[in-house]
PDB file of N, CA and C in Angstrom:
ATOM      1  N   MET A   1     -26.841  33.881  10.235  1.00  0.00           N
ATOM      2  CA  MET A   1     -26.279  32.681   9.642  1.00  0.00           C
ATOM      3  C   MET A   1     -25.877  33.012   8.175  1.00  0.00           C
ATOM      4  N   THR A   2     -24.729  32.566   7.769  1.00  0.00           N
ATOM      5  CA  THR A   2     -24.232  32.745   6.452  1.00  0.00           C
ATOM      6  C   THR A   2     -24.391  31.478   5.628  1.00  0.00           C
ATOM      7  N   LEU A   3     -24.960  31.603   4.447  1.00  0.00           N
ATOM      8  CA  LEU A   3     -25.119  30.473   3.563  1.00  0.00           C
ATOM      9  C   LEU A   3     -23.845  30.341   2.728  1.00  0.00           C
ATOM     10  N   VAL A   4     -23.151  29.218   2.869  1.00  0.00           N
ATOM     11  CA  VAL A   4     -21.900  29.035   2.157  1.00  0.00           C
ATOM     12  C   VAL A   4     -22.156  28.394   0.770  1.00  0.00           C
ATOM     13  N   CYS A   5     -22.939  27.330   0.767  1.00  0.00           N
ATOM     14  CA  CYS A   5     -23.242  26.671  -0.511  1.00  0.00           C
ATOM     15  C   CYS A   5     -24.513  25.880  -0.365  1.00  0.00           C
ATOM     16  N   ASP A   6     -25.375  25.999  -1.378  1.00  0.00           N
ATOM     17  CA  ASP A   6     -26.618  25.183  -1.431  1.00  0.00           C
ATOM     18  C   ASP A   6     -26.595  24.533  -2.787  1.00  0.00           C
ATOM     19  N   LEU A   7     -26.258  23.255  -2.820  1.00  0.00           N
ATOM     20  CA  LEU A   7     -26.116  22.507  -4.035  1.00  0.00           C
ATOM     21  C   LEU A   7     -27.182  21.398  -4.054  1.00  0.00           C
ATOM     22  N   ARG A   8     -28.023  21.434  -5.115  1.00  0.00           N
ATOM     23  CA  ARG A   8     -29.097  20.440  -5.261  1.00  0.00           C
ATOM     24  C   ARG A   8     -29.205  19.997  -6.697  1.00  0.00           C
ATOM     25  N   GLU A   9     -29.662  18.770  -6.857  1.00  0.00           N
ATOM     26  CA  GLU A   9     -29.904  18.226  -8.205  1.00  0.00           C
ATOM     27  C   GLU A   9     -31.396  18.335  -8.511  1.00  0.00           C
ATOM     28  N   LEU A  10     -31.676  18.871  -9.640  1.00  0.00           N
ATOM     29  CA  LEU A  10     -33.091  18.971 -10.135  1.00  0.00           C
ATOM     30  C   LEU A  10     -33.363  17.780 -10.986  1.00  0.00           C
ATOM     31  N   PRO A  11     -34.650  17.336 -11.063  1.00  0.00           N
ATOM     32  CA  PRO A  11     -34.949  16.096 -11.762  1.00  0.00           C
ATOM     33  C   PRO A  11     -34.846  16.166 -13.296  1.00  0.00           C
ATOM     34  N   THR A  12     -35.052  17.314 -13.908  1.00  0.00           N
ATOM     35  CA  THR A  12     -35.033  17.417 -15.351  1.00  0.00           C
ATOM     36  C   THR A  12     -34.306  18.706 -15.817  1.00  0.00           C
ATOM     37  N   MET A  13     -33.959  18.689 -17.102  1.00  0.00           N
ATOM     38  CA  MET A  13     -33.344  19.889 -17.668  1.00  0.00           C
ATOM     39  C   MET A  13     -34.369  21.037 -17.708  1.00  0.00           C
ATOM     40  N   ALA A  14     -35.652  20.712 -17.913  1.00  0.00           N
ATOM     41  CA  ALA A  14     -36.697  21.735 -17.929  1.00  0.00           C
ATOM     42  C   ALA A  14     -36.771  22.416 -16.582  1.00  0.00           C
ATOM     43  N   ALA A  15     -36.685  21.659 -15.509  1.00  0.00           N
ATOM     44  CA  ALA A  15     -36.713  22.253 -14.180  1.00  0.00           C
ATOM     45  C   ALA A  15     -35.511  23.128 -13.955  1.00  0.00           C
ATOM     46  N   LEU A  16     -34.348  22.725 -14.449  1.00  0.00           N
ATOM     47  CA  LEU A  16     -33.129  23.547 -14.328  1.00  0.00           C
ATOM     48  C   LEU A  16     -33.261  24.856 -15.108  1.00  0.00           C
ATOM     49  N   THR A  17     -33.772  24.727 -16.289  1.00  0.00           N
ATOM     50  CA  THR A  17     -33.946  25.914 -17.155  1.00  0.00           C
ATOM     51  C   THR A  17     -34.925  26.894 -16.528  1.00  0.00           C
ATOM     52  N   ALA A  18     -36.036  26.353 -15.943  1.00  0.00           N
ATOM     53  CA  ALA A  18     -37.027  27.205 -15.285  1.00  0.00           C
ATOM     54  C   ALA A  18     -36.436  27.871 -14.041  1.00  0.00           C
ATOM     55  N   TRP A  19     -35.656  27.161 -13.275  1.00  0.00           N
ATOM     56  CA  TRP A  19     -35.033  27.715 -12.104  1.00  0.00           C
ATOM     57  C   TRP A  19     -34.089  28.826 -12.499  1.00  0.00           C
ATOM     58  N   ALA A  20     -33.270  28.542 -13.570  1.00  0.00           N
ATOM     59  CA  ALA A  20     -32.308  29.530 -14.004  1.00  0.00           C
ATOM     60  C   ALA A  20     -32.995  30.808 -14.509  1.00  0.00           C
ATOM     61  N   ALA A  21     -34.074  30.665 -15.218  1.00  0.00           N
ATOM     62  CA  ALA A  21     -34.800  31.831 -15.726  1.00  0.00           C
ATOM     63  C   ALA A  21     -35.411  32.630 -14.577  1.00  0.00           C
ATOM     64  N   ALA A  22     -35.942  31.957 -13.586  1.00  0.00           N
ATOM     65  CA  ALA A  22     -36.567  32.637 -12.465  1.00  0.00           C
ATOM     66  C   ALA A  22     -35.544  33.370 -11.594  1.00  0.00           C
ATOM     67  N   HIS A  23     -34.299  32.927 -11.576  1.00  0.00           N
ATOM     68  CA  HIS A  23     -33.264  33.529 -10.726  1.00  0.00           C
ATOM     69  C   HIS A  23     -32.223  34.361 -11.529  1.00  0.00           C
ATOM     70  N   GLY A  24     -32.470  34.512 -12.816  1.00  0.00           N
ATOM     71  CA  GLY A  24     -31.517  35.291 -13.610  1.00  0.00           C
ATOM     72  C   GLY A  24     -30.154  34.660 -13.764  1.00  0.00           C
ATOM     73  N   ALA A  25     -30.092  33.337 -13.760  1.00  0.00           N
ATOM     74  CA  ALA A  25     -28.839  32.617 -13.889  1.00  0.00           C
ATOM     75  C   ALA A  25     -28.728  32.025 -15.256  1.00  0.00           C
ATOM     76  N   ARG A  26     -27.555  31.642 -15.606  1.00  0.00           N
ATOM     77  CA  ARG A  26     -27.247  31.077 -16.912  1.00  0.00           C
ATOM     78  C   ARG A  26     -26.983  29.555 -16.735  1.00  0.00           C
ATOM     79  N   VAL A  27     -27.483  28.713 -17.610  1.00  0.00           N
ATOM     80  CA  VAL A  27     -27.226  27.269 -17.588  1.00  0.00           C
ATOM     81  C   VAL A  27     -25.917  27.038 -18.330  1.00  0.00           C
ATOM     82  N   THR A  28     -25.000  26.350 -17.659  1.00  0.00           N
ATOM     83  CA  THR A  28     -23.710  25.997 -18.289  1.00  0.00           C
ATOM     84  C   THR A  28     -23.476  24.525 -18.298  1.00  0.00           C
ATOM     85  N   TYR A  29     -22.708  24.070 -19.243  1.00  0.00           N
ATOM     86  CA  TYR A  29     -22.328  22.667 -19.388  1.00  0.00           C
ATOM     87  C   TYR A  29     -21.127  22.434 -18.547  1.00  0.00           C
ATOM     88  N   LEU A  30     -21.195  21.393 -17.656  1.00  0.00           N
ATOM     89  CA  LEU A  30     -20.072  21.047 -16.771  1.00  0.00           C
ATOM     90  C   LEU A  30     -19.176  19.943 -17.302  1.00  0.00           C
ATOM     91  N   GLY A  31     -19.803  19.032 -18.087  1.00  0.00           N
ATOM     92  CA  GLY A  31     -19.061  17.870 -18.577  1.00  0.00           C
ATOM     93  C   GLY A  31     -19.796  16.622 -18.347  1.00  0.00           C
ATOM     94  N   PRO A  32     -19.233  15.471 -18.654  1.00  0.00           N
ATOM     95  CA  PRO A  32     -19.944  14.174 -18.499  1.00  0.00           C
ATOM     96  C   PRO A  32     -19.805  13.636 -17.092  1.00  0.00           C
ATOM     97  N   ASP A  33     -20.806  12.849 -16.676  1.00  0.00           N
ATOM     98  CA  ASP A  33     -20.710  12.113 -15.411  1.00  0.00           C
ATOM     99  C   ASP A  33     -20.035  10.773 -15.691  1.00  0.00           C
ATOM    100  N   LEU A  34     -19.940   9.916 -14.706  1.00  0.00           N
ATOM    101  CA  LEU A  34     -19.306   8.619 -14.923  1.00  0.00           C
ATOM    102  C   LEU A  34     -20.038   7.687 -15.850  1.00  0.00           C
ATOM    103  N   GLN A  35     -21.332   7.936 -16.028  1.00  0.00           N
ATOM    104  CA  GLN A  35     -22.119   7.092 -16.940  1.00  0.00           C
ATOM    105  C   GLN A  35     -22.155   7.665 -18.369  1.00  0.00           C
ATOM    106  N   GLY A  36     -21.471   8.798 -18.579  1.00  0.00           N
ATOM    107  CA  GLY A  36     -21.447   9.385 -19.903  1.00  0.00           C
ATOM    108  C   GLY A  36     -22.571  10.334 -20.219  1.00  0.00           C
ATOM    109  N   HIS A  37     -23.344  10.759 -19.240  1.00  0.00           N
ATOM    110  CA  HIS A  37     -24.424  11.697 -19.460  1.00  0.00           C
ATOM    111  C   HIS A  37     -23.921  13.123 -19.192  1.00  0.00           C
ATOM    112  N   ALA A  38     -24.484  14.092 -19.953  1.00  0.00           N
ATOM    113  CA  ALA A  38     -24.081  15.482 -19.810  1.00  0.00           C
ATOM    114  C   ALA A  38     -24.604  16.044 -18.499  1.00  0.00           C
ATOM    115  N   VAL A  39     -23.809  16.855 -17.814  1.00  0.00           N
ATOM    116  CA  VAL A  39     -24.217  17.470 -16.565  1.00  0.00           C
ATOM    117  C   VAL A  39     -24.212  18.985 -16.804  1.00  0.00           C
ATOM    118  N   TYR A  40     -25.342  19.605 -16.443  1.00  0.00           N
ATOM    119  CA  TYR A  40     -25.505  21.061 -16.594  1.00  0.00           C
ATOM    120  C   TYR A  40     -25.765  21.692 -15.243  1.00  0.00           C
ATOM    121  N   ALA A  41     -25.437  22.965 -15.068  1.00  0.00           N
ATOM    122  CA  ALA A  41     -25.653  23.651 -13.804  1.00  0.00           C
ATOM    123  C   ALA A  41     -26.010  25.092 -14.044  1.00  0.00           C
ATOM    124  N   ALA A  42     -26.711  25.652 -13.032  1.00  0.00           N
ATOM    125  CA  ALA A  42     -26.999  27.092 -13.020  1.00  0.00           C
ATOM    126  C   ALA A  42     -26.649  27.593 -11.592  1.00  0.00           C
ATOM    127  N   ARG A  43     -26.046  28.783 -11.539  1.00  0.00           N
ATOM    128  CA  ARG A  43     -25.594  29.275 -10.237  1.00  0.00           C
ATOM    129  C   ARG A  43     -26.024  30.720 -10.057  1.00  0.00           C
ATOM    130  N   ARG A  44     -26.476  30.978  -8.831  1.00  0.00           N
ATOM    131  CA  ARG A  44     -26.827  32.319  -8.439  1.00  0.00           C
ATOM    132  C   ARG A  44     -26.314  32.531  -7.028  1.00  0.00           C
ATOM    133  N   GLY A  45     -25.175  33.229  -6.898  1.00  0.00           N
ATOM    134  CA  GLY A  45     -24.571  33.398  -5.581  1.00  0.00           C
ATOM    135  C   GLY A  45     -24.106  32.027  -5.051  1.00  0.00           C
ATOM    136  N   PRO A  46     -24.432  31.705  -3.795  1.00  0.00           N
ATOM    137  CA  PRO A  46     -24.032  30.432  -3.238  1.00  0.00           C
ATOM    138  C   PRO A  46     -24.961  29.292  -3.591  1.00  0.00           C
ATOM    139  N   VAL A  47     -25.975  29.554  -4.369  1.00  0.00           N
ATOM    140  CA  VAL A  47     -26.989  28.531  -4.714  1.00  0.00           C
ATOM    141  C   VAL A  47     -26.664  27.961  -6.087  1.00  0.00           C
ATOM    142  N   ILE A  48     -26.512  26.634  -6.121  1.00  0.00           N
ATOM    143  CA  ILE A  48     -26.202  25.935  -7.394  1.00  0.00           C
ATOM    144  C   ILE A  48     -27.242  24.827  -7.616  1.00  0.00           C
ATOM    145  N   ARG A  49     -27.781  24.798  -8.807  1.00  0.00           N
ATOM    146  CA  ARG A  49     -28.742  23.729  -9.152  1.00  0.00           C
ATOM    147  C   ARG A  49     -28.091  22.982 -10.331  1.00  0.00           C
ATOM    148  N   VAL A  50     -28.203  21.655 -10.262  1.00  0.00           N
ATOM    149  CA  VAL A  50     -27.583  20.801 -11.273  1.00  0.00           C
ATOM    150  C   VAL A  50     -28.652  19.834 -11.841  1.00  0.00           C
ATOM    151  N   ALA A  51     -28.506  19.514 -13.123  1.00  0.00           N
ATOM    152  CA  ALA A  51     -29.363  18.524 -13.771  1.00  0.00           C
ATOM    153  C   ALA A  51     -28.462  17.610 -14.660  1.00  0.00           C
ATOM    154  N   VAL A  52     -28.831  16.346 -14.678  1.00  0.00           N
ATOM    155  CA  VAL A  52     -28.124  15.414 -15.544  1.00  0.00           C
ATOM    156  C   VAL A  52     -29.072  15.102 -16.719  1.00  0.00           C
ATOM    157  N   ALA A  53     -28.570  15.304 -17.905  1.00  0.00           N
ATOM    158  CA  ALA A  53     -29.372  15.049 -19.119  1.00  0.00           C
ATOM    159  C   ALA A  53     -29.556  13.542 -19.308  1.00  0.00           C
ATOM    160  N   PRO A  54     -30.723  13.088 -19.716  1.00  0.00           N
ATOM    161  CA  PRO A  54     -30.977  11.660 -19.857  1.00  0.00           C
ATOM    162  C   PRO A  54     -30.304  11.049 -21.085  1.00  0.00           C
ATOM    163  N   VAL A  55     -29.783  11.865 -21.945  1.00  0.00           N
ATOM    164  CA  VAL A  55     -29.102  11.350 -23.172  1.00  0.00           C
ATOM    165  C   VAL A  55     -27.589  11.383 -22.980  1.00  0.00           C
ATOM    166  N   ARG A  56     -26.893  10.683 -23.867  1.00  0.00           N
ATOM    167  CA  ARG A  56     -25.427  10.635 -23.778  1.00  0.00           C
ATOM    168  C   ARG A  56     -24.840  12.052 -24.015  1.00  0.00           C
ATOM    169  N   ASP A  57     -23.716  12.275 -23.440  1.00  0.00           N
ATOM    170  CA  ASP A  57     -23.023  13.548 -23.521  1.00  0.00           C
ATOM    171  C   ASP A  57     -22.671  13.875 -25.000  1.00  0.00           C
ATOM    172  N   PRO A  58     -23.028  15.084 -25.492  1.00  0.00           N
ATOM    173  CA  PRO A  58     -22.674  15.407 -26.859  1.00  0.00           C
ATOM    174  C   PRO A  58     -21.166  15.711 -27.060  1.00  0.00           C
ATOM    175  N   HIS A  59     -20.438  15.884 -25.961  1.00  0.00           N
ATOM    176  CA  HIS A  59     -19.020  16.151 -26.035  1.00  0.00           C
ATOM    177  C   HIS A  59     -18.284  15.123 -25.164  1.00  0.00           C
ATOM    178  N   PRO A  60     -18.271  13.853 -25.539  1.00  0.00           N
ATOM    179  CA  PRO A  60     -17.675  12.861 -24.687  1.00  0.00           C
ATOM    180  C   PRO A  60     -16.172  13.054 -24.498  1.00  0.00           C
ATOM    181  N   GLN A  61     -15.746  12.832 -23.301  1.00  0.00           N
ATOM    182  CA  GLN A  61     -14.308  12.989 -22.957  1.00  0.00           C
ATOM    183  C   GLN A  61     -13.716  11.601 -22.934  1.00  0.00           C
ATOM    184  N   PRO A  62     -12.596  11.406 -23.581  1.00  0.00           N
ATOM    185  CA  PRO A  62     -11.974  10.077 -23.507  1.00  0.00           C
ATOM    186  C   PRO A  62     -11.459   9.794 -22.087  1.00  0.00           C
ATOM    187  N   VAL A  63     -11.759   8.625 -21.598  1.00  0.00           N
ATOM    188  CA  VAL A  63     -11.279   8.248 -20.284  1.00  0.00           C
ATOM    189  C   VAL A  63      -9.982   7.499 -20.479  1.00  0.00           C
ATOM    190  N   SER A  64      -8.909   8.023 -19.955  1.00  0.00           N
ATOM    191  CA  SER A  64      -7.634   7.388 -20.130  1.00  0.00           C
ATOM    192  C   SER A  64      -6.876   7.341 -18.811  1.00  0.00           C
ATOM    193  N   TRP A  65      -6.207   6.232 -18.576  1.00  0.00           N
ATOM    194  CA  TRP A  65      -5.435   6.092 -17.380  1.00  0.00           C
ATOM    195  C   TRP A  65      -4.198   5.313 -17.707  1.00  0.00           C
ATOM    196  N   GLU A  66      -3.079   5.772 -17.239  1.00  0.00           N
ATOM    197  CA  GLU A  66      -1.827   5.041 -17.499  1.00  0.00           C
ATOM    198  C   GLU A  66      -1.275   4.600 -16.175  1.00  0.00           C
ATOM    199  N   SER A  67      -0.949   3.327 -16.114  1.00  0.00           N
ATOM    200  CA  SER A  67      -0.412   2.765 -14.874  1.00  0.00           C
ATOM    201  C   SER A  67       1.004   3.302 -14.648  1.00  0.00           C
ATOM    202  N   PRO A  68       1.320   3.723 -13.430  1.00  0.00           N
ATOM    203  CA  PRO A  68       2.684   4.192 -13.141  1.00  0.00           C
ATOM    204  C   PRO A  68       3.700   3.024 -13.292  1.00  0.00           C
ATOM    205  N   LEU A  69       3.193   1.798 -13.201  1.00  0.00           N
ATOM    206  CA  LEU A  69       4.074   0.650 -13.316  1.00  0.00           C
ATOM    207  C   LEU A  69       4.538   0.418 -14.737  1.00  0.00           C
ATOM    208  N   GLU A  70       3.837   0.979 -15.742  1.00  0.00           N
ATOM    209  CA  GLU A  70       4.221   0.803 -17.122  1.00  0.00           C
ATOM    210  C   GLU A  70       5.357   1.731 -17.520  1.00  0.00           C
ATOM    211  N   THR A  71       5.691   2.714 -16.727  1.00  0.00           N
ATOM    212  CA  THR A  71       6.732   3.649 -17.069  1.00  0.00           C
ATOM    213  C   THR A  71       7.829   3.670 -15.984  1.00  0.00           C
ATOM    214  N   LEU A  72       8.085   2.538 -15.384  1.00  0.00           N
ATOM    215  CA  LEU A  72       9.110   2.481 -14.373  1.00  0.00           C
ATOM    216  C   LEU A  72      10.514   2.669 -15.040  1.00  0.00           C
ATOM    217  N   PRO A  73      11.437   3.278 -14.359  1.00  0.00           N
ATOM    218  CA  PRO A  73      12.785   3.403 -14.947  1.00  0.00           C
ATOM    219  C   PRO A  73      13.434   2.043 -14.996  1.00  0.00           C
ATOM    220  N   GLU A  74      14.340   1.868 -15.936  1.00  0.00           N
ATOM    221  CA  GLU A  74      15.018   0.571 -16.060  1.00  0.00           C
ATOM    222  C   GLU A  74      15.945   0.343 -14.853  1.00  0.00           C
ATOM    223  N   ASP A  75      16.091  -0.950 -14.551  1.00  0.00           N
ATOM    224  CA  ASP A  75      17.031  -1.313 -13.459  1.00  0.00           C
ATOM    225  C   ASP A  75      18.456  -0.938 -13.851  1.00  0.00           C
ATOM    226  N   PRO A  76      19.287  -0.536 -12.868  1.00  0.00           N
ATOM    227  CA  PRO A  76      20.661  -0.249 -13.181  1.00  0.00           C
ATOM    228  C   PRO A  76      21.391  -1.561 -13.505  1.00  0.00           C
ATOM    229  N   PRO A  77      22.474  -1.510 -14.252  1.00  0.00           N
ATOM    230  CA  PRO A  77      23.181  -2.747 -14.572  1.00  0.00           C
ATOM    231  C   PRO A  77      23.712  -3.401 -13.250  1.00  0.00           C
ATOM    232  N   PRO A  78      23.830  -4.729 -13.218  1.00  0.00           N
ATOM    233  CA  PRO A  78      24.318  -5.333 -12.009  1.00  0.00           C
ATOM    234  C   PRO A  78      25.759  -4.997 -11.744  1.00  0.00           C
ATOM    235  N   LEU A  79      26.128  -5.055 -10.480  1.00  0.00           N
ATOM    236  CA  LEU A  79      27.530  -4.809 -10.082  1.00  0.00           C
ATOM    237  C   LEU A  79      28.425  -5.965 -10.457  1.00  0.00           C
ATOM    238  N   THR A  80      29.643  -5.604 -10.803  1.00  0.00           N
ATOM    239  CA  THR A  80      30.659  -6.681 -10.989  1.00  0.00           C
ATOM    240  C   THR A  80      31.121  -7.119  -9.605  1.00  0.00           C
ATOM    241  N   ALA A  81      31.831  -8.191  -9.528  1.00  0.00           N
ATOM    242  CA  ALA A  81      32.323  -8.711  -8.244  1.00  0.00           C
ATOM    243  C   ALA A  81      33.231  -7.681  -7.598  1.00  0.00           C
ATOM    244  N   ALA A  82      34.090  -7.049  -8.347  1.00  0.00           N
ATOM    245  CA  ALA A  82      35.024  -6.065  -7.800  1.00  0.00           C
ATOM    246  C   ALA A  82      34.291  -4.854  -7.241  1.00  0.00           C
ATOM    247  N   GLU A  83      33.249  -4.380  -7.970  1.00  0.00           N
ATOM    248  CA  GLU A  83      32.463  -3.258  -7.515  1.00  0.00           C
ATOM    249  C   GLU A  83      31.710  -3.579  -6.218  1.00  0.00           C
ATOM    250  N   ALA A  84      31.185  -4.816  -6.121  1.00  0.00           N
ATOM    251  CA  ALA A  84      30.459  -5.252  -4.969  1.00  0.00           C
ATOM    252  C   ALA A  84      31.363  -5.306  -3.756  1.00  0.00           C
ATOM    253  N   VAL A  85      32.572  -5.823  -3.916  1.00  0.00           N
ATOM    254  CA  VAL A  85      33.512  -5.891  -2.773  1.00  0.00           C
ATOM    255  C   VAL A  85      33.909  -4.511  -2.381  1.00  0.00           C
ATOM    256  N   GLY A  86      34.206  -3.649  -3.306  1.00  0.00           N
ATOM    257  CA  GLY A  86      34.561  -2.269  -3.012  1.00  0.00           C
ATOM    258  C   GLY A  86      33.470  -1.522  -2.273  1.00  0.00           C
ATOM    259  N   ARG A  87      32.245  -1.737  -2.665  1.00  0.00           N
ATOM    260  CA  ARG A  87      31.141  -1.090  -1.995  1.00  0.00           C
ATOM    261  C   ARG A  87      30.944  -1.642  -0.594  1.00  0.00           C
ATOM    262  N   ALA A  88      31.179  -2.938  -0.457  1.00  0.00           N
ATOM    263  CA  ALA A  88      30.989  -3.529   0.923  1.00  0.00           C
ATOM    264  C   ALA A  88      32.073  -3.041   1.881  1.00  0.00           C
ATOM    265  N   LEU A  89      33.242  -2.727   1.391  1.00  0.00           N
ATOM    266  CA  LEU A  89      34.295  -2.239   2.283  1.00  0.00           C
ATOM    267  C   LEU A  89      34.009  -0.873   2.876  1.00  0.00           C
ATOM    268  N   VAL A  90      33.266  -0.055   2.182  1.00  0.00           N
ATOM    269  CA  VAL A  90      32.969   1.339   2.627  1.00  0.00           C
ATOM    270  C   VAL A  90      31.550   1.467   3.163  1.00  0.00           C
ATOM    271  N   ALA A  91      30.760   0.392   3.108  1.00  0.00           N
ATOM    272  CA  ALA A  91      29.363   0.474   3.575  1.00  0.00           C
ATOM    273  C   ALA A  91      29.276   0.440   5.099  1.00  0.00           C
ATOM    274  N   PRO A  92      28.330   1.216   5.625  1.00  0.00           N
ATOM    275  CA  PRO A  92      28.117   1.168   7.125  1.00  0.00           C
ATOM    276  C   PRO A  92      27.537  -0.189   7.525  1.00  0.00           C
ATOM    277  N   PRO A  93      27.882  -0.657   8.708  1.00  0.00           N
ATOM    278  CA  PRO A  93      27.382  -1.939   9.186  1.00  0.00           C
ATOM    279  C   PRO A  93      25.876  -1.984   9.173  1.00  0.00           C
ATOM    280  N   GLY A  94      25.299  -3.147   8.727  1.00  0.00           N
ATOM    281  CA  GLY A  94      23.855  -3.307   8.712  1.00  0.00           C
ATOM    282  C   GLY A  94      23.162  -2.799   7.494  1.00  0.00           C
ATOM    283  N   SER A  95      23.896  -2.148   6.582  1.00  0.00           N
ATOM    284  CA  SER A  95      23.222  -1.660   5.381  1.00  0.00           C
ATOM    285  C   SER A  95      23.098  -2.767   4.317  1.00  0.00           C
ATOM    286  N   LEU A  96      22.253  -2.530   3.305  1.00  0.00           N
ATOM    287  CA  LEU A  96      22.090  -3.528   2.250  1.00  0.00           C
ATOM    288  C   LEU A  96      23.354  -3.691   1.420  1.00  0.00           C
ATOM    289  N   ASP A  97      24.234  -2.712   1.429  1.00  0.00           N
ATOM    290  CA  ASP A  97      25.467  -2.829   0.674  1.00  0.00           C
ATOM    291  C   ASP A  97      26.587  -3.423   1.502  1.00  0.00           C
ATOM    292  N   GLY A  98      26.274  -3.869   2.686  1.00  0.00           N
ATOM    293  CA  GLY A  98      27.283  -4.466   3.575  1.00  0.00           C
ATOM    294  C   GLY A  98      27.713  -5.840   3.116  1.00  0.00           C
ATOM    295  N   PRO A  99      28.316  -6.644   3.971  1.00  0.00           N
ATOM    296  CA  PRO A  99      28.882  -7.930   3.598  1.00  0.00           C
ATOM    297  C   PRO A  99      27.846  -8.885   2.987  1.00  0.00           C
ATOM    298  N   ALA A 100      26.600  -8.899   3.489  1.00  0.00           N
ATOM    299  CA  ALA A 100      25.623  -9.828   2.900  1.00  0.00           C
ATOM    300  C   ALA A 100      25.271  -9.411   1.470  1.00  0.00           C
ATOM    301  N   GLY A 101      25.129  -8.118   1.242  1.00  0.00           N
ATOM    302  CA  GLY A 101      24.834  -7.654  -0.114  1.00  0.00           C
ATOM    303  C   GLY A 101      26.018  -7.884  -1.052  1.00  0.00           C
ATOM    304  N   ALA A 102      27.245  -7.726  -0.517  1.00  0.00           N
ATOM    305  CA  ALA A 102      28.444  -7.954  -1.314  1.00  0.00           C
ATOM    306  C   ALA A 102      28.556  -9.410  -1.685  1.00  0.00           C
ATOM    307  N   LEU A 103      28.275 -10.290  -0.715  1.00  0.00           N
ATOM    308  CA  LEU A 103      28.338 -11.726  -1.001  1.00  0.00           C
ATOM    309  C   LEU A 103      27.339 -12.136  -2.080  1.00  0.00           C
ATOM    310  N   GLN A 104      26.133 -11.574  -1.986  1.00  0.00           N
ATOM    311  CA  GLN A 104      25.144 -11.897  -2.991  1.00  0.00           C
ATOM    312  C   GLN A 104      25.567 -11.354  -4.375  1.00  0.00           C
ATOM    313  N   ALA A 105      26.137 -10.162  -4.437  1.00  0.00           N
ATOM    314  CA  ALA A 105      26.591  -9.607  -5.694  1.00  0.00           C
ATOM    315  C   ALA A 105      27.750 -10.406  -6.289  1.00  0.00           C
ATOM    316  N   VAL A 106      28.689 -10.833  -5.414  1.00  0.00           N
ATOM    317  CA  VAL A 106      29.795 -11.651  -5.873  1.00  0.00           C
ATOM    318  C   VAL A 106      29.274 -12.981  -6.452  1.00  0.00           C
ATOM    319  N   LEU A 107      28.405 -13.628  -5.723  1.00  0.00           N
ATOM    320  CA  LEU A 107      27.864 -14.904  -6.196  1.00  0.00           C
ATOM    321  C   LEU A 107      27.092 -14.704  -7.539  1.00  0.00           C
ATOM    322  N   THR A 108      26.320 -13.669  -7.619  1.00  0.00           N
ATOM    323  CA  THR A 108      25.556 -13.392  -8.861  1.00  0.00           C
ATOM    324  C   THR A 108      26.505 -13.146 -10.006  1.00  0.00           C
ATOM    325  N   ALA A 109      27.581 -12.381  -9.795  1.00  0.00           N
ATOM    326  CA  ALA A 109      28.558 -12.112 -10.828  1.00  0.00           C
ATOM    327  C   ALA A 109      29.266 -13.399 -11.255  1.00  0.00           C
ATOM    328  N   ALA A 110      29.596 -14.266 -10.280  1.00  0.00           N
ATOM    329  CA  ALA A 110      30.258 -15.514 -10.602  1.00  0.00           C
ATOM    330  C   ALA A 110      29.366 -16.414 -11.386  1.00  0.00           C
ATOM    331  N   ILE A 111      28.067 -16.505 -11.030  1.00  0.00           N
ATOM    332  CA  ILE A 111      27.142 -17.361 -11.781  1.00  0.00           C
ATOM    333  C   ILE A 111      26.992 -16.848 -13.186  1.00  0.00           C
ATOM    334  N   ARG A 112      26.875 -15.516 -13.383  1.00  0.00           N
ATOM    335  CA  ARG A 112      26.726 -14.950 -14.723  1.00  0.00           C
ATOM    336  C   ARG A 112      27.989 -15.230 -15.571  1.00  0.00           C
ATOM    337  N   ALA A 113      29.164 -15.157 -14.951  1.00  0.00           N
ATOM    338  CA  ALA A 113      30.412 -15.384 -15.659  1.00  0.00           C
ATOM    339  C   ALA A 113      30.532 -16.871 -16.063  1.00  0.00           C
ATOM    340  N   ALA A 114      29.909 -17.773 -15.291  1.00  0.00           N
ATOM    341  CA  ALA A 114      29.996 -19.188 -15.619  1.00  0.00           C
ATOM    342  C   ALA A 114      29.065 -19.614 -16.728  1.00  0.00           C
ATOM    343  N   LEU A 115      28.044 -18.802 -16.948  1.00  0.00           N
ATOM    344  CA  LEU A 115      27.043 -19.140 -17.978  1.00  0.00           C
ATOM    345  C   LEU A 115      27.480 -18.854 -19.342  1.00  0.00           C
TER     346      LEU A 115
END
């Protein structure tokens, strides 16, 4: 049987340090967890031991997220009545640019012109 990965969390940093010393491994900082605590690990072959420090992470990472809806491209300018009719004449039947779409664009252009 081949051991692929043995990942376990140890209860304290002291336990992680003792395990690392006993196995000739080095303790490394992995980063913060979701609660902002520092996570450390030691690895020896396929065996990994992890401990979460009870104090806040000394190197906090800023959590940032940008909604894709905030950077949407701008809408194209509306069609004029002449453009809508021209597009409807060459549109395949059943497409959004067909007669129904052309009628909507013509009405929209006429309403805008009246305002």
